[in-house]
């Protein structure tokens, strides 16, 4: 992952050692808290994130930016968008 790929203020979510679905759950918890467009780098050791996170993004209205394997880690970049719920 190149630093030029990230938005200023990007958040790193370290989920190394967690098995799916926990990395997705951690991402979901973080995404619920964003008040403006926020880039998140999920770092995981479970290869399941390569399929699970892009699918989660499609279903939940967030943007999957990229996925890369670096040695034994998987880095998934997501653009989390604020979710507005009508009351």
N, C-alpha and C. Protein backbone atom coordinates (compact mmCIF):
# COMPACT_ATOMS: atom_id res chain seq x y z
N UNK A 1 0.86 -1.17 0.00
CA UNK A 1 0.00 0.00 0.00
C UNK A 1 0.90 1.22 0.00
N UNK A 2 0.64 2.10 -0.89
CA UNK A 2 1.40 3.32 -1.04
C UNK A 2 0.68 4.45 -0.31
N UNK A 3 1.42 5.27 0.41
CA UNK A 3 0.82 6.37 1.17
C UNK A 3 0.06 7.33 0.26
N UNK A 4 0.43 7.40 -1.02
CA UNK A 4 -0.26 8.29 -1.95
C UNK A 4 -1.67 7.82 -2.27
N UNK A 5 -1.97 6.55 -1.99
CA UNK A 5 -3.31 6.02 -2.25
C UNK A 5 -4.32 6.48 -1.20
N UNK A 6 -3.86 6.91 -0.06
CA UNK A 6 -4.74 7.21 1.06
C UNK A 6 -5.12 8.68 1.13
N UNK A 7 -6.35 8.91 1.56
CA UNK A 7 -6.80 10.27 1.83
C UNK A 7 -6.11 10.76 3.09
N UNK A 8 -5.89 12.07 3.21
CA UNK A 8 -5.37 12.59 4.49
C UNK A 8 -6.35 12.20 5.61
N UNK A 9 -5.81 11.79 6.73
CA UNK A 9 -6.66 11.42 7.86
C UNK A 9 -7.23 10.02 7.76
N UNK A 10 -6.71 9.18 6.86
CA UNK A 10 -7.19 7.81 6.73
C UNK A 10 -7.02 7.08 8.06
N UNK A 11 -7.96 6.22 8.36
CA UNK A 11 -7.95 5.47 9.61
C UNK A 11 -7.45 4.05 9.33
N UNK A 12 -6.60 3.53 10.19
CA UNK A 12 -6.10 2.15 10.06
C UNK A 12 -6.83 1.30 11.09
N UNK A 13 -7.43 0.22 10.60
CA UNK A 13 -8.16 -0.71 11.46
C UNK A 13 -7.39 -2.03 11.46
N UNK A 14 -6.69 -2.31 12.55
CA UNK A 14 -5.86 -3.50 12.66
C UNK A 14 -6.70 -4.67 13.15
N UNK A 15 -6.97 -5.62 12.25
CA UNK A 15 -7.76 -6.80 12.62
C UNK A 15 -6.93 -8.07 12.49
N UNK A 16 -5.60 -7.91 12.53
CA UNK A 16 -4.73 -9.08 12.42
C UNK A 16 -5.05 -10.08 13.53
N UNK A 17 -5.11 -11.35 13.14
CA UNK A 17 -5.39 -12.42 14.11
C UNK A 17 -6.87 -12.72 14.27
N UNK A 18 -7.73 -11.86 13.75
CA UNK A 18 -9.18 -12.10 13.84
C UNK A 18 -9.65 -12.85 12.61
N UNK A 19 -10.54 -13.80 12.81
CA UNK A 19 -11.12 -14.55 11.69
C UNK A 19 -12.46 -13.96 11.31
N UNK A 20 -12.81 -14.10 10.04
CA UNK A 20 -14.10 -13.61 9.57
C UNK A 20 -15.20 -14.34 10.34
N UNK A 21 -16.22 -13.61 10.72
CA UNK A 21 -16.62 -12.30 10.24
C UNK A 21 -16.11 -11.12 11.08
N UNK A 22 -15.23 -11.33 12.04
CA UNK A 22 -14.83 -10.25 12.95
C UNK A 22 -14.20 -9.04 12.26
N UNK A 23 -13.33 -9.19 11.24
CA UNK A 23 -12.83 -7.97 10.59
C UNK A 23 -13.96 -7.14 9.96
N UNK A 24 -14.95 -7.80 9.39
CA UNK A 24 -16.08 -7.08 8.80
C UNK A 24 -16.91 -6.41 9.89
N UNK A 25 -17.09 -7.07 11.00
CA UNK A 25 -17.85 -6.50 12.12
C UNK A 25 -17.12 -5.27 12.66
N UNK A 26 -15.80 -5.33 12.80
CA UNK A 26 -15.03 -4.17 13.28
C UNK A 26 -15.15 -3.00 12.29
N UNK A 27 -15.11 -3.33 10.99
CA UNK A 27 -15.27 -2.29 9.97
C UNK A 27 -16.67 -1.68 10.05
N UNK A 28 -17.67 -2.52 10.23
CA UNK A 28 -19.05 -2.02 10.33
C UNK A 28 -19.21 -1.11 11.53
N UNK A 29 -18.65 -1.50 12.67
CA UNK A 29 -18.73 -0.66 13.87
C UNK A 29 -18.08 0.70 13.62
N UNK A 30 -16.91 0.69 12.97
CA UNK A 30 -16.24 1.95 12.68
C UNK A 30 -17.06 2.78 11.69
N UNK A 31 -17.55 2.16 10.63
CA UNK A 31 -18.28 2.88 9.59
C UNK A 31 -19.54 3.55 10.12
N UNK A 32 -20.17 2.95 11.10
CA UNK A 32 -21.38 3.55 11.68
C UNK A 32 -21.07 4.88 12.37
N UNK A 33 -19.81 5.08 12.76
CA UNK A 33 -19.45 6.28 13.51
C UNK A 33 -18.99 7.44 12.64
N UNK A 34 -18.80 7.21 11.33
CA UNK A 34 -18.25 8.29 10.50
C UNK A 34 -19.30 9.35 10.23
N UNK A 35 -18.86 10.60 10.30
CA UNK A 35 -19.76 11.73 10.03
C UNK A 35 -19.47 12.36 8.68
N UNK A 36 -18.34 11.99 8.07
CA UNK A 36 -18.00 12.44 6.73
C UNK A 36 -17.24 11.31 6.04
N UNK A 37 -17.08 11.45 4.74
CA UNK A 37 -16.37 10.42 3.99
C UNK A 37 -15.01 10.17 4.62
N UNK A 38 -14.73 8.91 4.93
CA UNK A 38 -13.50 8.55 5.63
C UNK A 38 -12.90 7.32 4.99
N UNK A 39 -11.61 7.37 4.72
CA UNK A 39 -10.95 6.21 4.16
C UNK A 39 -10.42 5.35 5.31
N UNK A 40 -10.61 4.05 5.17
CA UNK A 40 -10.22 3.09 6.21
C UNK A 40 -9.35 2.02 5.55
N UNK A 41 -8.22 1.72 6.18
CA UNK A 41 -7.38 0.62 5.74
C UNK A 41 -7.57 -0.50 6.75
N UNK A 42 -8.15 -1.60 6.29
CA UNK A 42 -8.32 -2.77 7.16
C UNK A 42 -7.12 -3.67 6.91
N UNK A 43 -6.38 -3.95 7.96
CA UNK A 43 -5.22 -4.85 7.87
C UNK A 43 -5.63 -6.15 8.55
N UNK A 44 -5.56 -7.24 7.80
CA UNK A 44 -6.04 -8.53 8.31
C UNK A 44 -5.08 -9.65 7.93
N UNK A 45 -5.20 -10.75 8.64
CA UNK A 45 -4.44 -11.96 8.30
C UNK A 45 -5.36 -13.04 7.74
N UNK A 46 -6.65 -12.83 7.79
CA UNK A 46 -7.62 -13.79 7.26
C UNK A 46 -7.90 -13.44 5.79
N UNK A 47 -7.57 -14.33 4.85
CA UNK A 47 -7.79 -14.02 3.44
C UNK A 47 -9.27 -13.85 3.07
N UNK A 48 -10.16 -14.23 3.94
CA UNK A 48 -11.59 -14.07 3.69
C UNK A 48 -11.99 -12.62 3.49
N UNK A 49 -11.20 -11.68 4.02
CA UNK A 49 -11.55 -10.26 3.87
C UNK A 49 -11.52 -9.82 2.41
N UNK A 50 -10.75 -10.51 1.57
CA UNK A 50 -10.65 -10.13 0.17
C UNK A 50 -11.99 -10.25 -0.56
N UNK A 51 -12.83 -11.16 -0.12
CA UNK A 51 -14.17 -11.30 -0.71
C UNK A 51 -15.23 -10.66 0.18
N UNK A 52 -15.08 -10.81 1.49
CA UNK A 52 -16.13 -10.37 2.42
C UNK A 52 -16.27 -8.85 2.48
N UNK A 53 -15.17 -8.12 2.52
CA UNK A 53 -15.27 -6.66 2.66
C UNK A 53 -15.83 -6.00 1.40
N UNK A 54 -15.38 -6.36 0.18
CA UNK A 54 -16.02 -5.77 -1.00
C UNK A 54 -17.53 -6.07 -1.06
N UNK A 55 -17.93 -7.28 -0.67
CA UNK A 55 -19.36 -7.62 -0.65
C UNK A 55 -20.09 -6.76 0.37
N UNK A 56 -19.51 -6.60 1.54
CA UNK A 56 -20.12 -5.78 2.58
C UNK A 56 -20.29 -4.34 2.08
N UNK A 57 -19.27 -3.84 1.37
CA UNK A 57 -19.35 -2.47 0.84
C UNK A 57 -20.52 -2.33 -0.13
N UNK A 58 -20.68 -3.28 -1.04
CA UNK A 58 -21.78 -3.22 -2.02
C UNK A 58 -23.13 -3.20 -1.32
N UNK A 59 -23.30 -4.04 -0.33
CA UNK A 59 -24.58 -4.16 0.37
C UNK A 59 -24.88 -2.93 1.22
N UNK A 60 -23.84 -2.31 1.79
CA UNK A 60 -24.04 -1.24 2.77
C UNK A 60 -23.75 0.17 2.28
N UNK A 61 -23.49 0.32 0.98
CA UNK A 61 -23.34 1.66 0.43
C UNK A 61 -22.00 2.33 0.69
N UNK A 62 -20.96 1.55 0.86
CA UNK A 62 -19.61 2.08 1.01
C UNK A 62 -18.81 1.71 -0.24
N UNK A 63 -17.63 2.29 -0.40
CA UNK A 63 -16.85 2.06 -1.60
C UNK A 63 -15.60 1.25 -1.31
N UNK A 64 -15.44 0.12 -1.99
CA UNK A 64 -14.22 -0.66 -1.91
C UNK A 64 -13.23 -0.02 -2.88
N UNK A 65 -12.10 0.46 -2.35
CA UNK A 65 -11.11 1.17 -3.16
C UNK A 65 -10.09 0.20 -3.74
N UNK A 66 -9.51 -0.65 -2.89
CA UNK A 66 -8.53 -1.61 -3.37
C UNK A 66 -8.26 -2.69 -2.32
N UNK A 67 -7.68 -3.78 -2.78
CA UNK A 67 -7.26 -4.87 -1.90
C UNK A 67 -5.88 -5.33 -2.37
N UNK A 68 -5.01 -5.60 -1.41
CA UNK A 68 -3.67 -6.06 -1.73
C UNK A 68 -3.21 -7.07 -0.69
N UNK A 69 -2.42 -8.04 -1.14
CA UNK A 69 -1.75 -8.94 -0.21
C UNK A 69 -0.32 -8.49 -0.09
N UNK A 70 0.14 -8.26 1.14
CA UNK A 70 1.52 -7.89 1.42
C UNK A 70 2.07 -8.91 2.40
N UNK A 71 2.91 -9.81 1.89
CA UNK A 71 3.42 -10.93 2.67
C UNK A 71 2.25 -11.74 3.21
N UNK A 72 2.11 -11.82 4.53
CA UNK A 72 1.03 -12.62 5.13
C UNK A 72 -0.12 -11.75 5.62
N UNK A 73 -0.18 -10.54 5.14
CA UNK A 73 -1.26 -9.61 5.54
C UNK A 73 -2.06 -9.21 4.30
N UNK A 74 -3.30 -8.87 4.55
CA UNK A 74 -4.19 -8.39 3.51
C UNK A 74 -4.61 -6.98 3.88
N UNK A 75 -4.43 -6.04 2.96
CA UNK A 75 -4.77 -4.64 3.20
C UNK A 75 -5.94 -4.30 2.27
N UNK A 76 -7.06 -3.92 2.88
CA UNK A 76 -8.24 -3.58 2.12
C UNK A 76 -8.58 -2.12 2.43
N UNK A 77 -8.65 -1.31 1.37
CA UNK A 77 -8.97 0.11 1.55
C UNK A 77 -10.42 0.33 1.19
N UNK A 78 -11.13 0.96 2.12
CA UNK A 78 -12.56 1.22 1.98
C UNK A 78 -12.81 2.71 2.19
N UNK A 79 -13.68 3.28 1.38
CA UNK A 79 -14.13 4.64 1.61
C UNK A 79 -15.49 4.52 2.30
N UNK A 80 -15.49 4.77 3.61
CA UNK A 80 -16.72 4.68 4.41
C UNK A 80 -17.49 5.98 4.26
N UNK A 81 -18.75 5.85 3.94
CA UNK A 81 -19.60 7.02 3.73
C UNK A 81 -20.60 7.13 4.87
N UNK A 82 -20.92 8.34 5.30
CA UNK A 82 -21.89 8.49 6.38
C UNK A 82 -23.23 7.91 5.97
N UNK A 83 -23.88 7.27 6.89
CA UNK A 83 -25.17 6.66 6.65
C UNK A 83 -26.23 7.43 7.41
N UNK A 84 -27.15 8.01 6.68
CA UNK A 84 -28.20 8.80 7.31
C UNK A 84 -29.47 7.96 7.39
N UNK A 85 -30.03 7.89 8.58
CA UNK A 85 -31.22 7.09 8.80
C UNK A 85 -32.38 8.05 9.09
N UNK A 86 -33.45 7.92 8.34
CA UNK A 86 -34.64 8.74 8.58
C UNK A 86 -35.29 8.33 9.88
N UNK A 87 -35.63 9.32 10.69
CA UNK A 87 -36.26 9.03 11.98
C UNK A 87 -37.77 9.04 11.85
